[in-house]
Amino acid sequence: MPAQITRYAYDEAEPYGPEQVRQAYVQAGDVIGLVVQSRKGTAAAVPFQQTVTLQSELLA
């Protein structure tokens, strides 16, 4: 039976400094993973969401 995955994603509110930070917490059972992505300028939402999805699949 696959583990149920819970995701909580956050991105830094404007105004942010020279780089933007996005983070997500991924939980499967009693295991919690943290995904952090930062980029000079803005950290695009789609690549971040893809990274979180792929890490969730690895955790399950």
C-alpha atoms as a PDB file:
ATOM      1  CA  MET A   1       0.000   0.000   0.000  1.00  0.00           C
ATOM      2  CA  PRO A   2       1.541   3.369  -1.016  1.00  0.00           C
ATOM      3  CA  ALA A   3       2.210   5.883   1.734  1.00  0.00           C
ATOM      4  CA  GLN A   4      -0.020   8.931   1.909  1.00  0.00           C
ATOM      5  CA  ILE A   5       2.007  12.024   1.073  1.00  0.00           C
ATOM      6  CA  THR A   6       1.259  15.430   2.567  1.00  0.00           C
ATOM      7  CA  ARG A   7       2.919  18.541   1.123  1.00  0.00           C
ATOM      8  CA  TYR A   8       3.159  22.063   2.502  1.00  0.00           C
ATOM      9  CA  ALA A   9       4.787  24.581   0.163  1.00  0.00           C
ATOM     10  CA  TYR A  10       5.790  28.163   0.926  1.00  0.00           C
ATOM     11  CA  ASP A  11       7.471  30.908  -1.039  1.00  0.00           C
ATOM     12  CA  GLU A  12       9.085  34.049   0.227  1.00  0.00           C
ATOM     13  CA  ALA A  13       6.785  37.053   0.081  1.00  0.00           C
ATOM     14  CA  GLU A  14       7.780  40.187  -1.777  1.00  0.00           C
ATOM     15  CA  PRO A  15       9.807  42.235  -1.328  1.00  0.00           C
ATOM     16  CA  TYR A  16      12.646  39.753  -1.149  1.00  0.00           C
ATOM     17  CA  GLY A  17      16.345  40.417  -1.435  1.00  0.00           C
ATOM     18  CA  PRO A  18      18.656  39.553  -4.321  1.00  0.00           C
ATOM     19  CA  GLU A  19      17.346  35.962  -4.378  1.00  0.00           C
ATOM     20  CA  GLN A  20      13.979  34.325  -3.772  1.00  0.00           C
ATOM     21  CA  VAL A  21      13.600  31.255  -1.575  1.00  0.00           C
ATOM     22  CA  ARG A  22      10.885  28.585  -1.875  1.00  0.00           C
ATOM     23  CA  GLN A  23      10.517  25.697   0.543  1.00  0.00           C
ATOM     24  CA  ALA A  24       8.268  22.690   0.959  1.00  0.00           C
ATOM     25  CA  TYR A  25       7.786  20.122   3.683  1.00  0.00           C
ATOM     26  CA  VAL A  26       6.880  16.640   2.473  1.00  0.00           C
ATOM     27  CA  GLN A  27       5.532  14.085   4.944  1.00  0.00           C
ATOM     28  CA  ALA A  28       5.011  10.347   4.503  1.00  0.00           C
ATOM     29  CA  GLY A  29       4.126   8.558   7.721  1.00  0.00           C
ATOM     30  CA  ASP A  30       6.731   9.482  10.327  1.00  0.00           C
ATOM     31  CA  VAL A  31       9.266  10.775   7.762  1.00  0.00           C
ATOM     32  CA  ILE A  32       9.501  14.476   6.903  1.00  0.00           C
ATOM     33  CA  GLY A  33      11.531  15.865   4.015  1.00  0.00           C
ATOM     34  CA  LEU A  34      12.477  19.489   3.413  1.00  0.00           C
ATOM     35  CA  VAL A  35      12.953  20.831  -0.117  1.00  0.00           C
ATOM     36  CA  VAL A  36      14.546  24.286  -0.397  1.00  0.00           C
ATOM     37  CA  GLN A  37      15.163  26.102  -3.657  1.00  0.00           C
ATOM     38  CA  SER A  38      16.663  29.560  -4.037  1.00  0.00           C
ATOM     39  CA  ARG A  39      17.615  31.503  -7.100  1.00  0.00           C
ATOM     40  CA  LYS A  40      19.034  34.909  -7.859  1.00  0.00           C
ATOM     41  CA  GLY A  41      16.109  37.072  -8.936  1.00  0.00           C
ATOM     42  CA  THR A  42      13.025  34.862  -8.792  1.00  0.00           C
ATOM     43  CA  ALA A  43      12.699  31.126  -8.257  1.00  0.00           C
ATOM     44  CA  ALA A  44      10.202  29.926 -10.859  1.00  0.00           C
ATOM     45  CA  ALA A  45       7.173  28.063  -9.492  1.00  0.00           C
ATOM     46  CA  VAL A  46       7.012  25.240 -12.072  1.00  0.00           C
ATOM     47  CA  PRO A  47      10.551  23.833 -11.594  1.00  0.00           C
ATOM     48  CA  PHE A  48      10.028  24.027  -7.824  1.00  0.00           C
ATOM     49  CA  GLN A  49       6.717  22.136  -8.042  1.00  0.00           C
ATOM     50  CA  GLN A  50       8.370  19.503 -10.243  1.00  0.00           C
ATOM     51  CA  THR A  51      11.183  19.068  -7.725  1.00  0.00           C
ATOM     52  CA  VAL A  52       8.708  18.687  -4.857  1.00  0.00           C
ATOM     53  CA  THR A  53       6.679  16.139  -6.830  1.00  0.00           C
ATOM     54  CA  LEU A  54       9.749  14.069  -7.705  1.00  0.00           C
ATOM     55  CA  GLN A  55      11.015  14.120  -4.108  1.00  0.00           C
ATOM     56  CA  SER A  56       7.537  13.089  -2.920  1.00  0.00           C
ATOM     57  CA  GLU A  57       7.623  10.099  -5.247  1.00  0.00           C
ATOM     58  CA  LEU A  58      11.020   9.071  -3.870  1.00  0.00           C
ATOM     59  CA  LEU A  59       9.719   9.364  -0.315  1.00  0.00           C
ATOM     60  CA  ALA A  60       6.590   7.257  -0.951  1.00  0.00           C
END
